[in-house]
Amino acid sequence: MKINQKKYRARNVIERCIGWLKWCQRVATRYEKLAESYLTMIKLAMIQRCNRLLEPSGRT
């Protein structure tokens, strides 16, 4: 695999993650004034995303 392909795949993963974070309204509009609080909200959004990916597909 060429170096450009590896870079593109890594960049694609990051871009999709950022695109998903934009769907989280609290993160997209940045209600928190402090950077530390904003980072915490990003972490919580990522935890929520991971939980959704890990839960069985039959659950609602």
Protein backbone atom coordinates (compact mmCIF):
# COMPACT_ATOMS: atom_id res chain seq x y z
CA MET A 1 0.00 0.00 0.00
CA LYS A 2 1.33 3.43 -0.89
CA ILE A 3 2.00 6.05 1.74
CA ASN A 4 -0.67 8.32 0.27
CA GLN A 5 -3.30 5.61 0.67
CA LYS A 6 -2.39 5.13 4.33
CA LYS A 7 -2.58 8.85 4.97
CA TYR A 8 -5.90 9.10 3.15
CA ARG A 9 -7.42 6.27 5.19
CA ALA A 10 -6.26 7.80 8.46
CA ARG A 11 -7.57 11.21 7.41
CA ASN A 12 -10.88 9.71 6.34
CA VAL A 13 -11.40 8.17 9.78
CA ILE A 14 -10.75 11.51 11.46
CA GLU A 15 -13.02 13.40 9.07
CA ARG A 16 -15.88 10.94 9.65
CA CYS A 17 -15.42 11.28 13.41
CA ILE A 18 -15.55 15.08 13.20
CA GLY A 19 -18.58 14.84 10.92
CA TRP A 20 -20.33 12.66 13.48
CA LEU A 21 -19.45 15.06 16.30
CA LYS A 22 -21.18 17.86 14.37
CA TRP A 23 -24.43 15.93 14.80
CA CYS A 24 -24.09 16.37 18.57
CA GLN A 25 -25.75 19.73 18.98
CA ARG A 26 -24.08 20.58 22.27
CA VAL A 27 -20.65 20.02 20.76
CA ALA A 28 -21.43 21.69 17.43
CA THR A 29 -22.77 24.90 18.99
CA ARG A 30 -20.20 24.91 21.81
CA TYR A 31 -22.31 25.90 24.78
CA GLU A 32 -19.37 25.52 27.16
CA LYS A 33 -17.17 28.56 27.58
CA LEU A 34 -14.18 26.80 29.09
CA ALA A 35 -11.97 24.60 26.92
CA GLU A 36 -11.86 21.96 29.66
CA SER A 37 -15.65 21.70 29.74
CA TYR A 38 -15.80 21.54 25.95
CA LEU A 39 -13.25 18.73 25.87
CA THR A 40 -15.29 16.85 28.47
CA MET A 41 -18.40 17.10 26.28
CA ILE A 42 -16.44 15.77 23.30
CA LYS A 43 -15.26 12.83 25.39
CA LEU A 44 -18.80 12.10 26.54
CA ALA A 45 -20.07 12.24 22.96
CA MET A 46 -17.37 9.79 21.88
CA ILE A 47 -18.24 7.42 24.74
CA GLN A 48 -21.88 7.57 23.68
CA ARG A 49 -20.87 6.81 20.08
CA CYS A 50 -18.78 3.81 21.15
CA ASN A 51 -21.63 2.48 23.27
CA ARG A 52 -24.02 2.71 20.34
CA LEU A 53 -21.60 0.83 18.11
CA LEU A 54 -21.04 -1.90 20.70
CA GLU A 55 -24.63 -2.60 21.70
CA PRO A 56 -26.43 -5.44 19.92
CA SER A 57 -28.40 -4.38 16.84
CA GLY A 58 -31.64 -5.90 18.14
CA ARG A 59 -31.94 -3.45 21.04
CA THR A 60 -33.77 -0.15 20.68
